[in-house]
Amino acid sequence: MSKDYIKKIKIEKVEAELEVDLCRNMIIIGCDVSMHNTGLAVIKTTDDYLTLDILHNIIVPKKIDLLKAADLFIDQIEDFKRKITQKYKLDINIIEDCFYGKNVKTLKSLARFSILIYDKLRGIATKSKLVLPTQARNLINFKKSSKEIKGSKLKKEIIEYINNALQINIKDDNLADGCVLALAGLVIKE
C-alpha cells in the first residue's frame, strides 16, 4: 500500500529540534506567497505524529502581464482548493504577510497575491492569519548564522533548518517557507 503523505515523524522529535511545543490534532496550511512561485505546505498533527501531507507550488510565468498572472494564479489556487477540500477541513491558513523588501513593485505584488490566497482559502479553514516571514521564523526559533546573511544564503539556511526539523530533503525555498509558516501556526505560545 502506498503512503498518501510526504513525511510522518514523531511530533516530539520536531518539538525537540525546534525547541517549541506544537498544537495537537490540527490541520494547517502554510502559504509562502509570491507572484511567480508560491509554496504551499499542508501539515497535520495528531497526539503522537506530525505529518507533512502536501507540498505544492503555484507557478506563474515571469513574462506575463499582471491581470493574466492573477487569472492563472487564481485558477491554480482554485484547483488546489478543490483537491484539499476533498481530503480535509483545515483548522488554520497561515499566509505570508507582505513586507517591504527591495522595491515597491514587489511589495505591491505580494500584497495582491496574499489577499488572493486569503480570499480563496478563507472558507475552507476555521481561521486565517497573515504572518510576516521574520515573525514565522522567530516562532520556530530559526536563527541566521550571522546578521549579514540574506538572500540566497538565508534561503539555504532556512531549507537546511526545515530539512533537519522534519527529517526530509526539500530543495525548493518556497516550499521550505511554506513549512516555516505552517509550523509557526502550530506553535503554542506561552
N, C-alpha and C. Protein backbone atom coordinates (compact mmCIF):
# COMPACT_ATOMS: atom_id res chain seq x y z
N MET A 1 0.84 -1.19 0.00
CA MET A 1 0.00 0.00 0.00
C MET A 1 0.89 1.25 0.00
N SER A 2 0.61 2.17 -0.87
CA SER A 2 1.43 3.39 -0.93
C SER A 2 0.97 4.39 0.12
N LYS A 3 1.90 5.20 0.56
CA LYS A 3 1.55 6.23 1.54
C LYS A 3 0.99 7.45 0.82
N ASP A 4 0.06 8.13 1.47
CA ASP A 4 -0.55 9.32 0.85
C ASP A 4 -0.09 10.60 1.55
N TYR A 5 1.14 10.58 2.00
CA TYR A 5 1.75 11.75 2.63
C TYR A 5 3.23 11.77 2.26
N ILE A 6 3.88 12.87 2.60
CA ILE A 6 5.29 13.03 2.24
C ILE A 6 6.21 12.54 3.36
N LYS A 7 5.90 12.94 4.59
CA LYS A 7 6.75 12.56 5.73
C LYS A 7 5.91 12.51 6.99
N LYS A 8 6.08 11.45 7.76
CA LYS A 8 5.41 11.29 9.05
C LYS A 8 6.50 11.10 10.09
N ILE A 9 6.47 11.92 11.13
CA ILE A 9 7.53 11.92 12.12
C ILE A 9 6.93 12.11 13.51
N LYS A 10 7.55 11.54 14.49
CA LYS A 10 7.08 11.73 15.87
C LYS A 10 7.09 13.23 16.18
N ILE A 11 5.99 13.72 16.70
CA ILE A 11 5.86 15.16 16.94
C ILE A 11 6.88 15.62 17.98
N GLU A 12 7.21 14.75 18.94
CA GLU A 12 8.21 15.12 19.96
C GLU A 12 9.58 15.39 19.34
N LYS A 13 9.92 14.67 18.26
CA LYS A 13 11.21 14.90 17.59
C LYS A 13 11.24 16.29 16.97
N VAL A 14 10.13 16.68 16.34
CA VAL A 14 10.06 18.00 15.72
C VAL A 14 10.11 19.08 16.81
N GLU A 15 9.37 18.87 17.89
CA GLU A 15 9.38 19.84 19.00
C GLU A 15 10.78 19.98 19.59
N ALA A 16 11.50 18.88 19.73
CA ALA A 16 12.86 18.93 20.28
C ALA A 16 13.79 19.69 19.33
N GLU A 17 13.66 19.45 18.05
CA GLU A 17 14.51 20.12 17.06
C GLU A 17 14.24 21.63 17.03
N LEU A 18 12.96 22.00 17.10
CA LEU A 18 12.58 23.43 17.04
C LEU A 18 12.59 24.11 18.41
N GLU A 19 12.64 23.31 19.47
CA GLU A 19 12.58 23.81 20.85
C GLU A 19 11.30 24.60 21.10
N VAL A 20 10.16 24.02 20.67
CA VAL A 20 8.83 24.61 20.88
C VAL A 20 7.83 23.49 21.16
N ASP A 21 6.68 23.88 21.71
CA ASP A 21 5.56 22.96 21.85
C ASP A 21 4.60 23.23 20.69
N LEU A 22 4.10 22.16 20.09
CA LEU A 22 3.21 22.29 18.94
C LEU A 22 1.81 21.80 19.29
N CYS A 23 0.82 22.44 18.69
CA CYS A 23 -0.58 22.04 18.88
C CYS A 23 -0.80 20.65 18.30
N ARG A 24 -1.64 19.89 18.98
CA ARG A 24 -2.01 18.56 18.53
C ARG A 24 -3.36 18.61 17.82
N ASN A 25 -3.59 17.58 16.99
CA ASN A 25 -4.87 17.37 16.32
C ASN A 25 -5.33 18.59 15.52
N MET A 26 -4.41 19.05 14.67
CA MET A 26 -4.67 20.23 13.83
C MET A 26 -4.29 19.89 12.39
N ILE A 27 -4.92 20.59 11.47
CA ILE A 27 -4.53 20.55 10.06
C ILE A 27 -4.35 22.01 9.64
N ILE A 28 -3.18 22.30 9.12
CA ILE A 28 -2.81 23.69 8.84
C ILE A 28 -2.14 23.78 7.48
N ILE A 29 -2.34 24.91 6.83
CA ILE A 29 -1.64 25.15 5.57
C ILE A 29 -0.79 26.41 5.72
N GLY A 30 0.45 26.33 5.29
CA GLY A 30 1.34 27.48 5.25
C GLY A 30 1.50 27.92 3.80
N CYS A 31 1.31 29.21 3.55
CA CYS A 31 1.34 29.75 2.19
C CYS A 31 2.44 30.80 2.07
N ASP A 32 3.52 30.45 1.38
CA ASP A 32 4.60 31.38 1.09
C ASP A 32 4.27 32.05 -0.24
N VAL A 33 3.78 33.27 -0.16
CA VAL A 33 3.20 33.94 -1.31
C VAL A 33 4.25 34.61 -2.19
N SER A 34 4.09 34.41 -3.49
CA SER A 34 4.92 35.07 -4.49
C SER A 34 4.10 35.18 -5.76
N MET A 35 4.40 36.17 -6.56
CA MET A 35 3.69 36.32 -7.82
C MET A 35 4.05 35.19 -8.80
N HIS A 36 5.26 34.64 -8.66
CA HIS A 36 5.73 33.68 -9.64
C HIS A 36 5.89 32.25 -9.13
N ASN A 37 6.13 32.06 -7.84
CA ASN A 37 6.31 30.72 -7.29
C ASN A 37 5.85 30.70 -5.84
N THR A 38 4.60 30.37 -5.63
CA THR A 38 4.04 30.30 -4.28
C THR A 38 4.21 28.88 -3.76
N GLY A 39 4.72 28.76 -2.54
CA GLY A 39 4.92 27.46 -1.91
C GLY A 39 3.84 27.20 -0.88
N LEU A 40 3.20 26.04 -0.98
CA LEU A 40 2.13 25.66 -0.05
C LEU A 40 2.53 24.37 0.67
N ALA A 41 2.31 24.34 1.98
CA ALA A 41 2.62 23.15 2.77
C ALA A 41 1.43 22.85 3.67
N VAL A 42 0.93 21.62 3.60
CA VAL A 42 -0.15 21.18 4.49
C VAL A 42 0.46 20.23 5.51
N ILE A 43 0.29 20.58 6.78
CA ILE A 43 0.80 19.76 7.89
C ILE A 43 -0.37 19.37 8.78
N LYS A 44 -0.34 18.12 9.19
CA LYS A 44 -1.38 17.57 10.05
C LYS A 44 -0.70 17.03 11.32
N THR A 45 -1.30 17.29 12.48
CA THR A 45 -0.75 16.74 13.72
C THR A 45 -1.80 15.86 14.40
N THR A 46 -1.29 14.85 15.11
CA THR A 46 -2.12 14.03 15.99
C THR A 46 -1.48 14.12 17.36
N ASP A 47 -1.93 13.31 18.30
CA ASP A 47 -1.29 13.32 19.62
C ASP A 47 0.16 12.88 19.55
N ASP A 48 0.49 12.04 18.58
CA ASP A 48 1.84 11.46 18.52
C ASP A 48 2.67 11.85 17.30
N TYR A 49 2.02 12.24 16.21
CA TYR A 49 2.75 12.45 14.97
C TYR A 49 2.49 13.82 14.34
N LEU A 50 3.50 14.27 13.60
CA LEU A 50 3.36 15.41 12.70
C LEU A 50 3.56 14.83 11.30
N THR A 51 2.60 15.11 10.42
CA THR A 51 2.66 14.60 9.06
C THR A 51 2.71 15.76 8.08
N LEU A 52 3.75 15.78 7.28
CA LEU A 52 3.82 16.72 6.17
C LEU A 52 3.06 16.04 5.04
N ASP A 53 1.84 16.50 4.81
CA ASP A 53 0.93 15.82 3.91
C ASP A 53 1.08 16.25 2.46
N ILE A 54 1.21 17.55 2.23
CA ILE A 54 1.26 18.07 0.87
C ILE A 54 2.29 19.20 0.78
N LEU A 55 3.08 19.17 -0.28
CA LEU A 55 3.91 20.29 -0.70
C LEU A 55 3.48 20.60 -2.14
N HIS A 56 3.21 21.87 -2.41
CA HIS A 56 2.69 22.21 -3.74
C HIS A 56 3.17 23.61 -4.13
N ASN A 57 3.55 23.75 -5.39
CA ASN A 57 3.93 25.06 -5.92
C ASN A 57 2.85 25.56 -6.87
N ILE A 58 2.61 26.86 -6.81
CA ILE A 58 1.79 27.54 -7.81
C ILE A 58 2.76 28.38 -8.62
N ILE A 59 2.88 28.04 -9.89
CA ILE A 59 3.86 28.67 -10.77
C ILE A 59 3.16 29.59 -11.77
N VAL A 60 3.63 30.81 -11.85
CA VAL A 60 3.14 31.79 -12.83
C VAL A 60 4.36 32.31 -13.57
N PRO A 61 4.34 32.27 -14.91
CA PRO A 61 5.50 32.75 -15.69
C PRO A 61 5.83 34.21 -15.37
N LYS A 62 7.10 34.54 -15.48
CA LYS A 62 7.54 35.90 -15.19
C LYS A 62 7.17 36.89 -16.29
N LYS A 63 7.16 36.48 -17.51
CA LYS A 63 6.89 37.39 -18.64
C LYS A 63 5.41 37.34 -19.00
N ILE A 64 4.58 37.85 -18.09
CA ILE A 64 3.14 37.83 -18.29
C ILE A 64 2.56 39.07 -17.62
N ASP A 65 1.52 39.66 -18.20
CA ASP A 65 1.01 40.89 -17.57
C ASP A 65 0.26 40.56 -16.28
N LEU A 66 0.08 41.55 -15.45
CA LEU A 66 -0.44 41.37 -14.09
C LEU A 66 -1.80 40.68 -14.05
N LEU A 67 -2.75 41.10 -14.86
CA LEU A 67 -4.08 40.51 -14.81
C LEU A 67 -4.09 39.06 -15.31
N LYS A 68 -3.29 38.78 -16.33
CA LYS A 68 -3.18 37.39 -16.78
C LYS A 68 -2.50 36.53 -15.70
N ALA A 69 -1.50 37.10 -15.05
CA ALA A 69 -0.83 36.40 -13.96
C ALA A 69 -1.82 36.11 -12.83
N ALA A 70 -2.63 37.10 -12.48
CA ALA A 70 -3.63 36.91 -11.42
C ALA A 70 -4.63 35.83 -11.81
N ASP A 71 -5.09 35.83 -13.06
CA ASP A 71 -6.04 34.80 -13.51
C ASP A 71 -5.42 33.40 -13.42
N LEU A 72 -4.19 33.27 -13.87
CA LEU A 72 -3.50 31.98 -13.81
C LEU A 72 -3.31 31.53 -12.36
N PHE A 73 -2.93 32.46 -11.52
CA PHE A 73 -2.74 32.20 -10.09
C PHE A 73 -4.06 31.72 -9.47
N ILE A 74 -5.14 32.44 -9.75
CA ILE A 74 -6.46 32.09 -9.20
C ILE A 74 -6.89 30.71 -9.68
N ASP A 75 -6.70 30.41 -10.96
CA ASP A 75 -7.06 29.09 -11.49
C ASP A 75 -6.33 27.98 -10.74
N GLN A 76 -5.04 28.19 -10.49
CA GLN A 76 -4.25 27.16 -9.79
C GLN A 76 -4.66 27.04 -8.32
N ILE A 77 -4.96 28.17 -7.68
CA ILE A 77 -5.41 28.13 -6.29
C ILE A 77 -6.76 27.40 -6.20
N GLU A 78 -7.65 27.69 -7.12
CA GLU A 78 -8.97 27.03 -7.12
C GLU A 78 -8.81 25.53 -7.31
N ASP A 79 -7.92 25.11 -8.21
CA ASP A 79 -7.67 23.69 -8.43
C ASP A 79 -7.12 23.04 -7.16
N PHE A 80 -6.15 23.70 -6.53
CA PHE A 80 -5.57 23.19 -5.28
C PHE A 80 -6.65 23.11 -4.19
N LYS A 81 -7.45 24.15 -4.09
CA LYS A 81 -8.53 24.20 -3.10
C LYS A 81 -9.49 23.02 -3.28
N ARG A 82 -9.88 22.72 -4.52
CA ARG A 82 -10.78 21.59 -4.79
C ARG A 82 -10.15 20.28 -4.30
N LYS A 83 -8.88 20.11 -4.56
CA LYS A 83 -8.20 18.87 -4.15
C LYS A 83 -8.13 18.73 -2.64
N ILE A 84 -7.77 19.81 -1.95
CA ILE A 84 -7.61 19.66 -0.49
C ILE A 84 -8.95 19.61 0.24
N THR A 85 -9.98 20.24 -0.29
CA THR A 85 -11.28 20.19 0.40
C THR A 85 -11.90 18.80 0.29
N GLN A 86 -11.47 18.01 -0.67
CA GLN A 86 -11.93 16.62 -0.74
C GLN A 86 -11.30 15.77 0.36
N LYS A 87 -10.17 16.24 0.89
CA LYS A 87 -9.42 15.45 1.87
C LYS A 87 -9.52 15.99 3.30
N TYR A 88 -9.63 17.31 3.47
CA TYR A 88 -9.56 17.89 4.81
C TYR A 88 -10.57 19.01 5.06
N LYS A 89 -10.72 19.30 6.35
CA LYS A 89 -11.28 20.57 6.82
C LYS A 89 -10.13 21.20 7.60
N LEU A 90 -9.57 22.26 7.05
CA LEU A 90 -8.41 22.89 7.66
C LEU A 90 -8.79 23.67 8.90
N ASP A 91 -7.89 23.68 9.87
CA ASP A 91 -8.09 24.48 11.07
C ASP A 91 -7.60 25.90 10.86
N ILE A 92 -6.42 26.05 10.25
CA ILE A 92 -5.82 27.38 10.11
C ILE A 92 -5.11 27.50 8.76
N ASN A 93 -5.26 28.66 8.14
CA ASN A 93 -4.44 29.07 6.99
C ASN A 93 -3.45 30.10 7.52
N ILE A 94 -2.19 29.86 7.34
CA ILE A 94 -1.17 30.85 7.69
C ILE A 94 -0.59 31.36 6.38
N ILE A 95 -0.83 32.63 6.11
CA ILE A 95 -0.45 33.23 4.84
C ILE A 95 0.63 34.27 5.09
N GLU A 96 1.68 34.20 4.29
CA GLU A 96 2.76 35.17 4.42
C GLU A 96 2.21 36.58 4.20
N ASP A 97 2.44 37.44 5.18
CA ASP A 97 2.04 38.84 5.06
C ASP A 97 3.06 39.55 4.18
N CYS A 98 2.61 40.57 3.48
CA CYS A 98 3.54 41.29 2.60
C CYS A 98 4.51 42.14 3.42
N PHE A 99 5.67 42.31 2.87
CA PHE A 99 6.72 43.09 3.53
C PHE A 99 7.45 43.91 2.49
N TYR A 100 8.06 44.97 2.92
CA TYR A 100 8.85 45.80 2.01
C TYR A 100 10.26 45.25 1.98
N GLY A 101 10.65 44.71 0.82
CA GLY A 101 11.98 44.15 0.67
C GLY A 101 12.90 45.09 -0.07
N LYS A 102 12.92 44.94 -1.39
CA LYS A 102 13.83 45.73 -2.20
C LYS A 102 13.13 46.85 -2.97
N ASN A 103 11.85 46.63 -3.32
CA ASN A 103 11.21 47.67 -4.11
C ASN A 103 9.69 47.65 -3.93
N VAL A 104 9.07 48.72 -4.34
CA VAL A 104 7.63 48.89 -4.19
C VAL A 104 6.86 47.91 -5.07
N LYS A 105 7.38 47.61 -6.26
CA LYS A 105 6.71 46.68 -7.17
C LYS A 105 6.53 45.30 -6.50
N THR A 106 7.56 44.82 -5.83
CA THR A 106 7.48 43.54 -5.13
C THR A 106 6.46 43.62 -4.00
N LEU A 107 6.49 44.70 -3.25
CA LEU A 107 5.53 44.91 -2.17
C LEU A 107 4.10 44.85 -2.70
N LYS A 108 3.84 45.53 -3.81
CA LYS A 108 2.51 45.54 -4.39
C LYS A 108 2.08 44.14 -4.84
N SER A 109 2.97 43.40 -5.48
CA SER A 109 2.57 42.07 -5.95
C SER A 109 2.34 41.12 -4.77
N LEU A 110 3.18 41.21 -3.72
CA LEU A 110 2.96 40.38 -2.53
C LEU A 110 1.62 40.70 -1.88
N ALA A 111 1.29 41.98 -1.78
CA ALA A 111 0.01 42.38 -1.19
C ALA A 111 -1.15 41.83 -2.01
N ARG A 112 -1.10 41.97 -3.30
CA ARG A 112 -2.18 41.49 -4.17
C ARG A 112 -2.35 39.98 -4.06
N PHE A 113 -1.26 39.25 -4.18
CA PHE A 113 -1.36 37.79 -4.21
C PHE A 113 -1.64 37.21 -2.83
N SER A 114 -1.20 37.87 -1.75
CA SER A 114 -1.56 37.43 -0.40
C SER A 114 -3.06 37.51 -0.19
N ILE A 115 -3.66 38.58 -0.64
CA ILE A 115 -5.10 38.75 -0.48
C ILE A 115 -5.86 37.78 -1.38
N LEU A 116 -5.35 37.49 -2.56
CA LEU A 116 -5.99 36.49 -3.42
C LEU A 116 -6.01 35.13 -2.73
N ILE A 117 -4.89 34.73 -2.14
CA ILE A 117 -4.86 33.44 -1.42
C ILE A 117 -5.81 33.48 -0.23
N TYR A 118 -5.77 34.56 0.53
CA TYR A 118 -6.69 34.69 1.68
C TYR A 118 -8.13 34.52 1.21
N ASP A 119 -8.50 35.22 0.16
CA ASP A 119 -9.87 35.17 -0.33
C ASP A 119 -10.26 33.76 -0.77
N LYS A 120 -9.38 33.08 -1.45
CA LYS A 120 -9.70 31.76 -1.99
C LYS A 120 -9.68 30.66 -0.93
N LEU A 121 -8.90 30.81 0.13
CA LEU A 121 -8.77 29.74 1.13
C LEU A 121 -9.52 30.01 2.44
N ARG A 122 -10.01 31.21 2.63
CA ARG A 122 -10.62 31.54 3.92
C ARG A 122 -11.84 30.68 4.25
N GLY A 123 -12.59 30.26 3.26
CA GLY A 123 -13.79 29.48 3.51
C GLY A 123 -13.55 28.02 3.83
N ILE A 124 -12.30 27.56 3.69
CA ILE A 124 -12.03 26.14 3.94
C ILE A 124 -11.29 25.90 5.26
N ALA A 125 -11.09 26.97 6.02
CA ALA A 125 -10.43 26.83 7.32
C ALA A 125 -11.24 27.59 8.36
N THR A 126 -11.09 27.15 9.59
CA THR A 126 -11.77 27.82 10.69
C THR A 126 -11.22 29.22 10.91
N LYS A 127 -9.91 29.38 10.63
CA LYS A 127 -9.24 30.64 10.92
C LYS A 127 -8.15 30.90 9.88
N SER A 128 -7.93 32.17 9.56
CA SER A 128 -6.83 32.56 8.68
C SER A 128 -6.01 33.64 9.37
N LYS A 129 -4.70 33.62 9.13
CA LYS A 129 -3.81 34.63 9.71
C LYS A 129 -2.78 35.06 8.67
N LEU A 130 -2.45 36.34 8.70
CA LEU A 130 -1.33 36.85 7.93
C LEU A 130 -0.14 36.98 8.89
N VAL A 131 1.00 36.41 8.50
CA VAL A 131 2.17 36.39 9.38
C VAL A 131 3.38 36.83 8.57
N LEU A 132 4.16 37.74 9.12
CA LEU A 132 5.39 38.17 8.46
C LEU A 132 6.42 37.04 8.47
N PRO A 133 7.23 36.93 7.43
CA PRO A 133 8.23 35.85 7.39
C PRO A 133 9.17 35.83 8.60
N THR A 134 9.64 37.01 9.02
CA THR A 134 10.54 37.05 10.18
C THR A 134 9.83 36.59 11.44
N GLN A 135 8.57 36.94 11.59
CA GLN A 135 7.79 36.52 12.75
C GLN A 135 7.63 34.99 12.74
N ALA A 136 7.34 34.41 11.59
CA ALA A 136 7.20 32.95 11.48
C ALA A 136 8.52 32.26 11.84
N ARG A 137 9.62 32.77 11.31
CA ARG A 137 10.92 32.16 11.61
C ARG A 137 11.25 32.27 13.10
N ASN A 138 10.93 33.40 13.71
CA ASN A 138 11.17 33.57 15.15
C ASN A 138 10.34 32.58 15.97
N LEU A 139 9.10 32.34 15.56
CA LEU A 139 8.22 31.43 16.30
C LEU A 139 8.77 30.01 16.34
N ILE A 140 9.50 29.60 15.30
CA ILE A 140 10.06 28.25 15.30
C ILE A 140 11.56 28.25 15.63
N ASN A 141 12.02 29.37 16.20
CA ASN A 141 13.39 29.51 16.70
C ASN A 141 14.48 29.39 15.63
N PHE A 142 14.17 29.81 14.43
CA PHE A 142 15.20 29.86 13.39
C PHE A 142 16.13 31.03 13.68
N LYS A 143 17.43 30.76 13.64
CA LYS A 143 18.43 31.81 13.85
C LYS A 143 19.40 31.79 12.68
N LYS A 144 19.62 32.96 12.07
CA LYS A 144 20.61 33.07 11.00
C LYS A 144 22.00 32.83 11.58
N SER A 145 22.90 32.33 10.74
CA SER A 145 24.27 32.08 11.21
C SER A 145 25.01 33.39 11.50
N SER A 146 24.60 34.48 10.84
CA SER A 146 25.15 35.80 11.16
C SER A 146 24.16 36.86 10.68
N LYS A 147 24.29 38.05 11.21
CA LYS A 147 23.39 39.14 10.85
C LYS A 147 23.51 39.53 9.38
N GLU A 148 24.66 39.27 8.78
CA GLU A 148 24.90 39.66 7.39
C GLU A 148 24.23 38.72 6.40
N ILE A 149 23.79 37.56 6.84
CA ILE A 149 23.19 36.57 5.94
C ILE A 149 21.85 37.08 5.42
N LYS A 150 21.72 37.06 4.09
CA LYS A 150 20.44 37.40 3.46
C LYS A 150 20.40 36.79 2.06
N GLY A 151 19.28 36.98 1.37
CA GLY A 151 19.16 36.49 0.00
C GLY A 151 19.26 34.98 -0.10
N SER A 152 20.00 34.51 -1.10
CA SER A 152 20.07 33.07 -1.35
C SER A 152 20.74 32.30 -0.21
N LYS A 153 21.68 32.94 0.49
CA LYS A 153 22.32 32.27 1.63
C LYS A 153 21.32 32.06 2.77
N LEU A 154 20.47 33.04 3.01
CA LEU A 154 19.42 32.91 4.02
C LEU A 154 18.46 31.80 3.62
N LYS A 155 18.07 31.77 2.36
CA LYS A 155 17.15 30.73 1.87
C LYS A 155 17.75 29.34 2.10
N LYS A 156 19.04 29.18 1.84
CA LYS A 156 19.71 27.89 2.05
C LYS A 156 19.68 27.49 3.53
N GLU A 157 19.91 28.46 4.41
CA GLU A 157 19.87 28.16 5.84
C GLU A 157 18.46 27.76 6.30
N ILE A 158 17.45 28.40 5.76
CA ILE A 158 16.06 28.06 6.11
C ILE A 158 15.74 26.65 5.62
N ILE A 159 16.13 26.33 4.38
CA ILE A 159 15.91 24.99 3.84
C ILE A 159 16.57 23.94 4.74
N GLU A 160 17.81 24.19 5.12
CA GLU A 160 18.54 23.26 5.98
C GLU A 160 17.84 23.09 7.33
N TYR A 161 17.36 24.19 7.90
CA TYR A 161 16.67 24.15 9.19
C TYR A 161 15.39 23.30 9.09
N ILE A 162 14.61 23.51 8.06
CA ILE A 162 13.38 22.74 7.87
C ILE A 162 13.69 21.27 7.59
N ASN A 163 14.68 21.02 6.75
CA ASN A 163 15.07 19.63 6.47
C ASN A 163 15.50 18.90 7.73
N ASN A 164 16.24 19.57 8.61
CA ASN A 164 16.64 18.96 9.88
C ASN A 164 15.43 18.72 10.78
N ALA A 165 14.56 19.70 10.89
CA ALA A 165 13.40 19.58 11.78
C ALA A 165 12.45 18.48 11.34
N LEU A 166 12.24 18.36 10.03
CA LEU A 166 11.25 17.40 9.52
C LEU A 166 11.90 16.12 8.98
N GLN A 167 13.22 16.05 9.06
CA GLN A 167 13.97 14.89 8.56
C GLN A 167 13.54 14.56 7.13
N ILE A 168 13.72 15.55 6.28
CA ILE A 168 13.27 15.48 4.89
C ILE A 168 14.33 16.13 4.01
N ASN A 169 14.12 16.14 2.71
CA ASN A 169 15.08 16.75 1.81
C ASN A 169 14.37 17.68 0.82
N ILE A 170 13.91 18.81 1.31
CA ILE A 170 13.27 19.82 0.46
C ILE A 170 14.38 20.64 -0.18
N LYS A 171 14.24 20.93 -1.47
CA LYS A 171 15.24 21.74 -2.17
C LYS A 171 14.70 23.12 -2.54
N ASP A 172 13.40 23.27 -2.62
CA ASP A 172 12.73 24.50 -3.06
C ASP A 172 12.51 25.43 -1.86
N ASP A 173 13.06 26.64 -1.94
CA ASP A 173 12.94 27.56 -0.79
C ASP A 173 11.49 28.01 -0.55
N ASN A 174 10.67 28.05 -1.58
CA ASN A 174 9.27 28.43 -1.40
C ASN A 174 8.50 27.37 -0.61
N LEU A 175 8.80 26.11 -0.89
CA LEU A 175 8.17 25.02 -0.14
C LEU A 175 8.68 25.00 1.30
N ALA A 176 9.97 25.25 1.48
CA ALA A 176 10.52 25.32 2.84
C ALA A 176 9.86 26.46 3.63
N ASP A 177 9.67 27.61 2.96
CA ASP A 177 9.00 28.74 3.62
C ASP A 177 7.54 28.41 3.94
N GLY A 178 6.87 27.66 3.06
CA GLY A 178 5.51 27.21 3.36
C GLY A 178 5.50 26.36 4.63
N CYS A 179 6.51 25.50 4.79
CA CYS A 179 6.64 24.69 6.01
C CYS A 179 6.89 25.56 7.23
N VAL A 180 7.75 26.57 7.09
CA VAL A 180 8.02 27.50 8.19
C VAL A 180 6.71 28.13 8.66
N LEU A 181 5.91 28.61 7.73
CA LEU A 181 4.64 29.27 8.08
C LEU A 181 3.68 28.29 8.74
N ALA A 182 3.57 27.08 8.19
CA ALA A 182 2.66 26.09 8.79
C ALA A 182 3.12 25.73 10.20
N LEU A 183 4.41 25.46 10.37
CA LEU A 183 4.93 25.14 11.70
C LEU A 183 4.73 26.30 12.68
N ALA A 184 4.95 27.51 12.21
CA ALA A 184 4.75 28.68 13.08
C ALA A 184 3.29 28.76 13.56
N GLY A 185 2.37 28.40 12.69
CA GLY A 185 0.97 28.40 13.07
C GLY A 185 0.61 27.33 14.09
N LEU A 186 1.46 26.31 14.22
CA LEU A 186 1.23 25.25 15.19
C LEU A 186 1.87 25.51 16.55
N VAL A 187 2.74 26.51 16.63
CA VAL A 187 3.46 26.78 17.87
C VAL A 187 2.49 27.24 18.96
N ILE A 188 2.61 26.61 20.12
CA ILE A 188 1.82 27.01 21.29
C ILE A 188 2.56 28.14 21.95
N LYS A 189 1.93 29.31 21.96
CA LYS A 189 2.56 30.48 22.57
C LYS A 189 2.25 30.52 24.05
N GLU A 190 3.26 30.86 24.83
CA GLU A 190 3.09 30.90 26.29
C GLU A 190 2.37 32.15 26.74
